[in-house]
Amino acid sequence: MAIEIERKFLVAGEGWRKAVHSSLRMRQGYLADTSGRASVRVRLQGDEARLNIKAAVVGRARAEYDYPVPVADATEILDTLCIGLVDKTRHYADAAATGGARLTWEIDEFEGDNAGLIVAEIELESAEQEFSRPDWLGLEVTDDPRYYNHALALRPFRRWGDEA
C-alpha cells in the first residue's frame, strides 16, 4: 500500500514566487462527496491525466493510489461525472531537508471559486522528517479539512465567509 506523508501550510506574502522553478496548470474533479472512506479524483495536469484514490482521513499520512488514464477519458469524466471541480496552478520550489535530502514545495494557487487561496504542501519520507521552513510559509493547516482539495471542490474558499 502506498502512503502519502504530507504537510500543508498557508502562504504568507509573495516571496514564494521567487523560489518557483516551474509551474503546471491543473483541473481536477471528484466523483463522490466527502462522506465516504476515500476520495476519488481525476486530474488533467499539462498533457497527462491521472486517476487518484486517497483514504478520506485528515492528517499527515494516508493511503494513496495513483494511476495514469487517457486524457480523453479524464476530460469526459471531468465534464460529465464530477460533483466538484478545482482549477489551480501548481508551482514547484525546492526545499531542503535534514540529511541533505532534496524535497519539493508544491504551491497551489487556486482559481475560480477558490481564487485568493494559496496553499503550500511538502511530501515527506517520514512523519518525523525535518525540513527547512522558508519565510513565506504561514500557518500550518494539515489538520484542517477545509484546505483539502476534495473539500474545496465541494465547498469553495469563496463560500467560507468569515470562517477562514
N, C-alpha and C. Protein backbone atom coordinates (compact mmCIF):
# COMPACT_ATOMS: atom_id res chain seq x y z
N MET A 1 0.84 -1.18 0.00
CA MET A 1 0.00 0.00 0.00
C MET A 1 0.89 1.24 0.00
N ALA A 2 0.55 2.20 -0.85
CA ALA A 2 1.28 3.47 -0.92
C ALA A 2 0.75 4.40 0.16
N ILE A 3 1.66 5.10 0.82
CA ILE A 3 1.29 6.06 1.87
C ILE A 3 1.81 7.44 1.47
N GLU A 4 0.93 8.42 1.53
CA GLU A 4 1.32 9.81 1.31
C GLU A 4 1.54 10.45 2.67
N ILE A 5 2.72 11.05 2.85
CA ILE A 5 3.03 11.79 4.08
C ILE A 5 3.23 13.23 3.65
N GLU A 6 2.35 14.11 4.11
CA GLU A 6 2.31 15.47 3.58
C GLU A 6 1.97 16.45 4.68
N ARG A 7 2.54 17.65 4.58
CA ARG A 7 2.19 18.77 5.46
C ARG A 7 1.69 19.91 4.58
N LYS A 8 0.68 20.64 5.08
CA LYS A 8 0.06 21.75 4.33
C LYS A 8 0.18 23.03 5.13
N PHE A 9 0.45 24.13 4.42
CA PHE A 9 0.60 25.44 5.04
C PHE A 9 -0.04 26.50 4.17
N LEU A 10 -0.57 27.53 4.79
CA LEU A 10 -0.95 28.72 4.05
C LEU A 10 0.33 29.44 3.65
N VAL A 11 0.23 30.29 2.66
CA VAL A 11 1.37 31.04 2.18
C VAL A 11 1.22 32.49 2.61
N ALA A 12 2.29 33.08 3.10
CA ALA A 12 2.28 34.47 3.56
C ALA A 12 3.09 35.33 2.59
N GLY A 13 2.45 36.29 2.00
CA GLY A 13 3.14 37.22 1.12
C GLY A 13 3.42 36.65 -0.26
N GLU A 14 4.29 37.34 -0.99
CA GLU A 14 4.60 36.97 -2.38
C GLU A 14 6.01 36.43 -2.55
N GLY A 15 6.79 36.31 -1.46
CA GLY A 15 8.18 35.87 -1.56
C GLY A 15 8.36 34.51 -2.19
N TRP A 16 7.35 33.66 -2.08
CA TRP A 16 7.43 32.32 -2.66
C TRP A 16 7.63 32.34 -4.17
N ARG A 17 7.12 33.37 -4.81
CA ARG A 17 7.19 33.43 -6.28
C ARG A 17 8.64 33.41 -6.78
N LYS A 18 9.57 33.98 -6.02
CA LYS A 18 10.99 34.00 -6.43
C LYS A 18 11.61 32.60 -6.36
N ALA A 19 11.05 31.71 -5.55
CA ALA A 19 11.60 30.37 -5.37
C ALA A 19 11.10 29.37 -6.42
N VAL A 20 10.06 29.72 -7.17
CA VAL A 20 9.43 28.80 -8.12
C VAL A 20 10.36 28.53 -9.30
N HIS A 21 10.52 27.24 -9.64
CA HIS A 21 11.32 26.88 -10.81
C HIS A 21 10.48 26.32 -11.96
N SER A 22 9.22 25.95 -11.69
CA SER A 22 8.32 25.51 -12.77
C SER A 22 6.88 25.56 -12.27
N SER A 23 5.95 25.55 -13.22
CA SER A 23 4.52 25.63 -12.89
C SER A 23 3.73 24.76 -13.85
N LEU A 24 2.56 24.31 -13.40
CA LEU A 24 1.72 23.43 -14.21
C LEU A 24 0.25 23.68 -13.88
N ARG A 25 -0.56 23.93 -14.92
CA ARG A 25 -2.00 24.12 -14.71
C ARG A 25 -2.65 22.78 -14.47
N MET A 26 -3.63 22.76 -13.57
CA MET A 26 -4.33 21.53 -13.24
C MET A 26 -5.82 21.79 -13.14
N ARG A 27 -6.57 20.82 -13.60
CA ARG A 27 -8.03 20.81 -13.42
C ARG A 27 -8.37 19.44 -12.88
N GLN A 28 -9.05 19.42 -11.75
CA GLN A 28 -9.36 18.13 -11.15
C GLN A 28 -10.78 18.12 -10.63
N GLY A 29 -11.36 16.93 -10.63
CA GLY A 29 -12.73 16.78 -10.19
C GLY A 29 -12.88 15.53 -9.34
N TYR A 30 -13.91 15.54 -8.52
CA TYR A 30 -14.15 14.47 -7.56
C TYR A 30 -15.44 13.75 -7.92
N LEU A 31 -15.43 12.42 -7.72
CA LEU A 31 -16.53 11.57 -8.14
C LEU A 31 -17.48 11.20 -7.00
N ALA A 32 -17.16 11.61 -5.78
CA ALA A 32 -18.02 11.31 -4.63
C ALA A 32 -17.88 12.44 -3.62
N ASP A 33 -18.86 12.54 -2.71
CA ASP A 33 -18.77 13.58 -1.69
C ASP A 33 -17.76 13.18 -0.60
N THR A 34 -17.67 13.95 0.44
CA THR A 34 -16.67 13.72 1.48
C THR A 34 -17.13 12.76 2.58
N SER A 35 -18.27 12.11 2.40
CA SER A 35 -18.78 11.24 3.46
C SER A 35 -18.26 9.80 3.38
N GLY A 36 -17.56 9.45 2.32
CA GLY A 36 -17.09 8.09 2.15
C GLY A 36 -15.75 7.81 2.79
N ARG A 37 -15.23 6.63 2.56
CA ARG A 37 -13.95 6.20 3.13
C ARG A 37 -12.77 6.63 2.28
N ALA A 38 -13.04 7.12 1.05
CA ALA A 38 -11.96 7.53 0.15
C ALA A 38 -12.42 8.68 -0.73
N SER A 39 -11.45 9.48 -1.16
CA SER A 39 -11.73 10.46 -2.20
C SER A 39 -11.25 9.86 -3.51
N VAL A 40 -12.04 10.05 -4.57
CA VAL A 40 -11.70 9.56 -5.90
C VAL A 40 -11.68 10.77 -6.82
N ARG A 41 -10.52 10.98 -7.42
CA ARG A 41 -10.30 12.21 -8.20
C ARG A 41 -9.73 11.85 -9.56
N VAL A 42 -10.12 12.64 -10.56
CA VAL A 42 -9.47 12.60 -11.86
C VAL A 42 -8.85 13.97 -12.07
N ARG A 43 -7.63 13.98 -12.65
CA ARG A 43 -6.91 15.25 -12.81
C ARG A 43 -6.28 15.33 -14.19
N LEU A 44 -6.47 16.48 -14.83
CA LEU A 44 -5.69 16.85 -16.01
C LEU A 44 -4.55 17.73 -15.54
N GLN A 45 -3.33 17.36 -15.89
CA GLN A 45 -2.16 18.16 -15.50
C GLN A 45 -1.22 18.22 -16.69
N GLY A 46 -1.18 19.40 -17.29
CA GLY A 46 -0.39 19.53 -18.51
C GLY A 46 -0.96 18.64 -19.59
N ASP A 47 -0.14 17.77 -20.17
CA ASP A 47 -0.60 16.88 -21.24
C ASP A 47 -0.82 15.45 -20.77
N GLU A 48 -1.05 15.27 -19.47
CA GLU A 48 -1.35 13.94 -18.96
C GLU A 48 -2.55 13.98 -18.02
N ALA A 49 -3.08 12.79 -17.73
CA ALA A 49 -4.23 12.68 -16.84
C ALA A 49 -4.01 11.52 -15.88
N ARG A 50 -4.58 11.65 -14.66
CA ARG A 50 -4.39 10.64 -13.62
C ARG A 50 -5.68 10.43 -12.85
N LEU A 51 -5.88 9.20 -12.42
CA LEU A 51 -6.94 8.83 -11.50
C LEU A 51 -6.29 8.60 -10.16
N ASN A 52 -6.85 9.20 -9.11
CA ASN A 52 -6.23 9.13 -7.78
C ASN A 52 -7.28 8.74 -6.76
N ILE A 53 -6.89 7.83 -5.87
CA ILE A 53 -7.75 7.40 -4.78
C ILE A 53 -6.96 7.58 -3.49
N LYS A 54 -7.54 8.33 -2.53
CA LYS A 54 -6.88 8.57 -1.24
C LYS A 54 -7.84 8.23 -0.12
N ALA A 55 -7.28 7.70 0.95
CA ALA A 55 -8.09 7.47 2.15
C ALA A 55 -8.65 8.80 2.62
N ALA A 56 -9.89 8.81 3.02
CA ALA A 56 -10.57 10.03 3.45
C ALA A 56 -10.30 10.29 4.93
N VAL A 57 -9.04 10.59 5.22
CA VAL A 57 -8.63 10.95 6.58
C VAL A 57 -7.87 12.26 6.51
N VAL A 58 -7.94 13.02 7.58
CA VAL A 58 -7.21 14.28 7.67
C VAL A 58 -5.99 14.03 8.52
N GLY A 59 -4.85 14.57 8.10
CA GLY A 59 -3.64 14.41 8.87
C GLY A 59 -2.43 14.22 7.97
N ARG A 60 -1.31 13.89 8.58
CA ARG A 60 -0.04 13.84 7.87
C ARG A 60 0.14 12.63 6.96
N ALA A 61 -0.48 11.50 7.27
CA ALA A 61 -0.25 10.28 6.48
C ALA A 61 -1.57 9.61 6.13
N ARG A 62 -1.68 9.13 4.88
CA ARG A 62 -2.87 8.41 4.45
C ARG A 62 -2.56 7.57 3.23
N ALA A 63 -3.32 6.51 3.03
CA ALA A 63 -3.15 5.64 1.87
C ALA A 63 -3.46 6.42 0.60
N GLU A 64 -2.68 6.15 -0.46
CA GLU A 64 -2.89 6.82 -1.73
C GLU A 64 -2.54 5.88 -2.88
N TYR A 65 -3.39 5.88 -3.91
CA TYR A 65 -3.18 5.10 -5.12
C TYR A 65 -3.35 6.05 -6.30
N ASP A 66 -2.46 5.96 -7.28
CA ASP A 66 -2.46 6.93 -8.38
C ASP A 66 -2.14 6.19 -9.68
N TYR A 67 -2.97 6.43 -10.73
CA TYR A 67 -2.84 5.70 -11.98
C TYR A 67 -3.00 6.64 -13.18
N PRO A 68 -2.23 6.41 -14.24
CA PRO A 68 -2.44 7.20 -15.47
C PRO A 68 -3.73 6.75 -16.15
N VAL A 69 -4.42 7.70 -16.78
CA VAL A 69 -5.61 7.41 -17.58
C VAL A 69 -5.52 8.21 -18.88
N PRO A 70 -6.21 7.79 -19.93
CA PRO A 70 -6.19 8.57 -21.17
C PRO A 70 -6.77 9.97 -20.95
N VAL A 71 -6.15 10.95 -21.58
CA VAL A 71 -6.59 12.35 -21.45
C VAL A 71 -8.05 12.50 -21.89
N ALA A 72 -8.43 11.85 -22.98
CA ALA A 72 -9.82 11.96 -23.47
C ALA A 72 -10.80 11.43 -22.42
N ASP A 73 -10.45 10.33 -21.75
CA ASP A 73 -11.32 9.79 -20.71
C ASP A 73 -11.43 10.76 -19.54
N ALA A 74 -10.29 11.30 -19.11
CA ALA A 74 -10.30 12.24 -17.99
C ALA A 74 -11.14 13.46 -18.31
N THR A 75 -11.00 13.98 -19.52
CA THR A 75 -11.78 15.15 -19.93
C THR A 75 -13.28 14.85 -19.88
N GLU A 76 -13.66 13.68 -20.38
CA GLU A 76 -15.07 13.30 -20.36
C GLU A 76 -15.58 13.13 -18.93
N ILE A 77 -14.78 12.52 -18.07
CA ILE A 77 -15.17 12.35 -16.67
C ILE A 77 -15.35 13.71 -16.00
N LEU A 78 -14.40 14.63 -16.23
CA LEU A 78 -14.50 15.97 -15.64
C LEU A 78 -15.76 16.69 -16.12
N ASP A 79 -16.07 16.53 -17.40
CA ASP A 79 -17.21 17.24 -17.97
C ASP A 79 -18.57 16.63 -17.64
N THR A 80 -18.61 15.34 -17.28
CA THR A 80 -19.91 14.68 -17.14
C THR A 80 -20.18 14.01 -15.79
N LEU A 81 -19.16 13.61 -15.05
CA LEU A 81 -19.38 12.79 -13.86
C LEU A 81 -19.01 13.43 -12.53
N CYS A 82 -18.21 14.46 -12.56
CA CYS A 82 -17.69 15.02 -11.31
C CYS A 82 -18.73 15.87 -10.59
N ILE A 83 -18.70 15.80 -9.26
CA ILE A 83 -19.63 16.58 -8.45
C ILE A 83 -19.00 17.86 -7.92
N GLY A 84 -17.69 18.00 -8.09
CA GLY A 84 -17.00 19.21 -7.67
C GLY A 84 -15.67 19.32 -8.40
N LEU A 85 -15.30 20.54 -8.78
CA LEU A 85 -14.08 20.77 -9.55
C LEU A 85 -13.16 21.75 -8.84
N VAL A 86 -11.87 21.62 -9.11
CA VAL A 86 -10.86 22.55 -8.62
C VAL A 86 -9.96 22.90 -9.80
N ASP A 87 -9.77 24.19 -10.03
CA ASP A 87 -8.82 24.69 -11.02
C ASP A 87 -7.71 25.40 -10.28
N LYS A 88 -6.47 25.11 -10.67
CA LYS A 88 -5.33 25.72 -9.97
C LYS A 88 -4.10 25.65 -10.84
N THR A 89 -3.12 26.45 -10.45
CA THR A 89 -1.78 26.32 -11.00
C THR A 89 -0.90 25.85 -9.87
N ARG A 90 -0.18 24.76 -10.12
CA ARG A 90 0.76 24.24 -9.12
C ARG A 90 2.14 24.74 -9.49
N HIS A 91 2.75 25.40 -8.53
CA HIS A 91 4.11 25.91 -8.69
C HIS A 91 5.04 25.03 -7.87
N TYR A 92 6.24 24.79 -8.37
CA TYR A 92 7.21 23.92 -7.71
C TYR A 92 8.42 24.74 -7.27
N ALA A 93 8.85 24.51 -6.03
CA ALA A 93 10.04 25.18 -5.48
C ALA A 93 10.83 24.15 -4.67
N ASP A 94 12.14 24.22 -4.74
CA ASP A 94 12.98 23.29 -4.00
C ASP A 94 12.92 23.57 -2.50
N ALA A 95 13.06 22.50 -1.72
CA ALA A 95 13.10 22.60 -0.26
C ALA A 95 14.21 21.68 0.23
N ALA A 96 14.86 22.08 1.30
CA ALA A 96 15.92 21.25 1.89
C ALA A 96 15.38 20.52 3.10
N ALA A 97 15.89 19.32 3.32
CA ALA A 97 15.50 18.52 4.49
C ALA A 97 16.77 18.10 5.21
N THR A 98 16.61 17.58 6.41
CA THR A 98 17.75 17.11 7.17
C THR A 98 18.44 15.98 6.41
N GLY A 99 19.73 15.85 6.63
CA GLY A 99 20.49 14.80 5.96
C GLY A 99 20.77 15.10 4.51
N GLY A 100 20.51 16.31 4.06
CA GLY A 100 20.80 16.69 2.69
C GLY A 100 19.75 16.25 1.68
N ALA A 101 18.67 15.65 2.13
CA ALA A 101 17.61 15.23 1.21
C ALA A 101 17.02 16.44 0.50
N ARG A 102 16.67 16.24 -0.77
CA ARG A 102 16.03 17.31 -1.53
C ARG A 102 14.54 17.03 -1.60
N LEU A 103 13.77 18.00 -1.21
CA LEU A 103 12.32 17.90 -1.25
C LEU A 103 11.80 19.01 -2.15
N THR A 104 10.51 18.97 -2.43
CA THR A 104 9.90 19.97 -3.29
C THR A 104 8.66 20.54 -2.62
N TRP A 105 8.56 21.87 -2.60
CA TRP A 105 7.32 22.53 -2.21
C TRP A 105 6.40 22.52 -3.42
N GLU A 106 5.16 22.12 -3.22
CA GLU A 106 4.12 22.24 -4.23
C GLU A 106 3.19 23.33 -3.75
N ILE A 107 3.18 24.44 -4.47
CA ILE A 107 2.42 25.62 -4.05
C ILE A 107 1.23 25.77 -4.99
N ASP A 108 0.04 25.53 -4.46
CA ASP A 108 -1.18 25.58 -5.26
C ASP A 108 -1.81 26.96 -5.17
N GLU A 109 -1.88 27.62 -6.33
CA GLU A 109 -2.54 28.91 -6.45
C GLU A 109 -3.91 28.65 -7.11
N PHE A 110 -4.95 28.73 -6.31
CA PHE A 110 -6.28 28.33 -6.76
C PHE A 110 -6.94 29.41 -7.59
N GLU A 111 -7.86 28.97 -8.45
CA GLU A 111 -8.59 29.86 -9.35
C GLU A 111 -10.09 29.64 -9.17
N GLY A 112 -10.88 30.38 -9.92
CA GLY A 112 -12.34 30.21 -9.87
C GLY A 112 -12.89 30.52 -8.49
N ASP A 113 -13.75 29.65 -7.98
CA ASP A 113 -14.39 29.86 -6.67
C ASP A 113 -13.41 29.74 -5.51
N ASN A 114 -12.20 29.28 -5.78
CA ASN A 114 -11.18 29.19 -4.73
C ASN A 114 -10.09 30.25 -4.90
N ALA A 115 -10.31 31.21 -5.80
CA ALA A 115 -9.33 32.27 -6.04
C ALA A 115 -9.03 33.02 -4.74
N GLY A 116 -7.77 33.37 -4.57
CA GLY A 116 -7.34 34.06 -3.37
C GLY A 116 -6.68 33.14 -2.37
N LEU A 117 -6.85 31.84 -2.55
CA LEU A 117 -6.26 30.85 -1.65
C LEU A 117 -4.98 30.31 -2.27
N ILE A 118 -3.91 30.30 -1.48
CA ILE A 118 -2.63 29.72 -1.89
C ILE A 118 -2.16 28.83 -0.76
N VAL A 119 -1.94 27.55 -1.08
CA VAL A 119 -1.54 26.55 -0.09
C VAL A 119 -0.24 25.90 -0.56
N ALA A 120 0.72 25.78 0.35
CA ALA A 120 1.98 25.09 0.07
C ALA A 120 1.97 23.73 0.75
N GLU A 121 2.36 22.70 0.01
CA GLU A 121 2.42 21.34 0.54
C GLU A 121 3.82 20.80 0.34
N ILE A 122 4.23 19.94 1.25
CA ILE A 122 5.51 19.26 1.11
C ILE A 122 5.29 17.79 1.45
N GLU A 123 5.73 16.91 0.54
CA GLU A 123 5.64 15.48 0.78
C GLU A 123 6.94 15.01 1.41
N LEU A 124 6.80 14.25 2.48
CA LEU A 124 7.95 13.81 3.27
C LEU A 124 8.14 12.31 3.17
N GLU A 125 9.33 11.87 3.54
CA GLU A 125 9.64 10.44 3.54
C GLU A 125 9.17 9.77 4.84
N SER A 126 9.04 10.55 5.91
CA SER A 126 8.52 10.04 7.18
C SER A 126 7.80 11.17 7.88
N ALA A 127 6.90 10.83 8.80
CA ALA A 127 6.13 11.85 9.51
C ALA A 127 7.02 12.72 10.39
N GLU A 128 8.17 12.22 10.79
CA GLU A 128 9.08 12.95 11.68
C GLU A 128 10.15 13.73 10.92
N GLN A 129 10.20 13.61 9.60
CA GLN A 129 11.26 14.24 8.82
C GLN A 129 11.24 15.76 9.01
N GLU A 130 12.41 16.32 9.25
CA GLU A 130 12.57 17.77 9.39
C GLU A 130 12.80 18.38 8.00
N PHE A 131 12.38 19.63 7.84
CA PHE A 131 12.56 20.33 6.58
C PHE A 131 12.72 21.82 6.87
N SER A 132 13.34 22.52 5.94
CA SER A 132 13.50 23.97 6.10
C SER A 132 12.16 24.66 5.89
N ARG A 133 11.94 25.72 6.64
CA ARG A 133 10.70 26.48 6.54
C ARG A 133 11.03 27.88 6.02
N PRO A 134 10.72 28.10 4.74
CA PRO A 134 11.01 29.42 4.17
C PRO A 134 10.18 30.51 4.84
N ASP A 135 10.64 31.75 4.74
CA ASP A 135 9.97 32.86 5.42
C ASP A 135 8.57 33.14 4.87
N TRP A 136 8.24 32.63 3.70
CA TRP A 136 6.91 32.83 3.13
C TRP A 136 5.89 31.79 3.60
N LEU A 137 6.35 30.86 4.42
CA LEU A 137 5.45 29.82 4.92
C LEU A 137 4.62 30.38 6.07
N GLY A 138 3.31 30.21 5.99
CA GLY A 138 2.41 30.71 7.01
C GLY A 138 1.90 29.61 7.92
N LEU A 139 0.68 29.76 8.38
CA LEU A 139 0.03 28.86 9.32
C LEU A 139 -0.08 27.45 8.76
N GLU A 140 0.23 26.44 9.58
CA GLU A 140 0.05 25.05 9.15
C GLU A 140 -1.44 24.70 9.21
N VAL A 141 -1.93 24.05 8.12
CA VAL A 141 -3.34 23.67 8.03
C VAL A 141 -3.50 22.19 7.71
N THR A 142 -2.47 21.41 8.01
CA THR A 142 -2.51 19.96 7.74
C THR A 142 -3.74 19.31 8.35
N ASP A 143 -4.12 19.73 9.54
CA ASP A 143 -5.22 19.09 10.26
C ASP A 143 -6.56 19.80 10.08
N ASP A 144 -6.64 20.73 9.15
CA ASP A 144 -7.89 21.44 8.89
C ASP A 144 -8.49 20.92 7.59
N PRO A 145 -9.57 20.15 7.66
CA PRO A 145 -10.13 19.52 6.46
C PRO A 145 -10.60 20.50 5.40
N ARG A 146 -10.87 21.74 5.73
CA ARG A 146 -11.34 22.71 4.73
C ARG A 146 -10.32 22.94 3.63
N TYR A 147 -9.04 22.75 3.92
CA TYR A 147 -7.97 23.05 2.97
C TYR A 147 -7.62 21.88 2.06
N TYR A 148 -8.28 20.76 2.21
CA TYR A 148 -8.04 19.63 1.32
C TYR A 148 -8.80 19.87 0.02
N ASN A 149 -8.18 19.53 -1.11
CA ASN A 149 -8.78 19.81 -2.42
C ASN A 149 -10.18 19.23 -2.55
N HIS A 150 -10.40 18.05 -2.01
CA HIS A 150 -11.72 17.44 -2.08
C HIS A 150 -12.76 18.36 -1.42
N ALA A 151 -12.45 18.89 -0.26
CA ALA A 151 -13.36 19.80 0.42
C ALA A 151 -13.52 21.10 -0.37
N LEU A 152 -12.43 21.61 -0.94
CA LEU A 152 -12.51 22.85 -1.73
C LEU A 152 -13.34 22.68 -2.99
N ALA A 153 -13.38 21.47 -3.53
CA ALA A 153 -14.21 21.21 -4.71
C ALA A 153 -15.69 21.29 -4.37
N LEU A 154 -16.04 20.89 -3.16
CA LEU A 154 -17.45 20.85 -2.76
C LEU A 154 -17.90 22.09 -2.00
N ARG A 155 -16.99 22.73 -1.30
CA ARG A 155 -17.29 23.95 -0.55
C ARG A 155 -16.13 24.92 -0.75
N PRO A 156 -16.16 25.66 -1.87
CA PRO A 156 -15.04 26.52 -2.24
C PRO A 156 -14.75 27.63 -1.23
N PHE A 157 -13.51 28.09 -1.27
CA PHE A 157 -12.99 29.13 -0.40
C PHE A 157 -13.87 30.37 -0.36
N ARG A 158 -14.41 30.79 -1.51
CA ARG A 158 -15.24 31.99 -1.58
C ARG A 158 -16.52 31.87 -0.77
N ARG A 159 -16.94 30.66 -0.44
CA ARG A 159 -18.17 30.45 0.33
C ARG A 159 -17.91 30.39 1.83
N TRP A 160 -16.69 30.51 2.25
CA TRP A 160 -16.37 30.38 3.67
C TRP A 160 -16.82 31.57 4.49
N GLY A 161 -16.96 32.73 3.86
CA GLY A 161 -17.35 33.93 4.59
C GLY A 161 -16.28 34.32 5.60
N ASP A 162 -16.66 34.56 6.81
CA ASP A 162 -15.73 34.99 7.85
C ASP A 162 -15.10 33.83 8.63
N GLU A 163 -15.31 32.57 8.16
CA GLU A 163 -14.77 31.41 8.87
C GLU A 163 -13.26 31.30 8.77
N ALA A 164 -12.68 31.66 7.62
CA ALA A 164 -11.26 31.42 7.36
C ALA A 164 -10.36 32.24 8.25
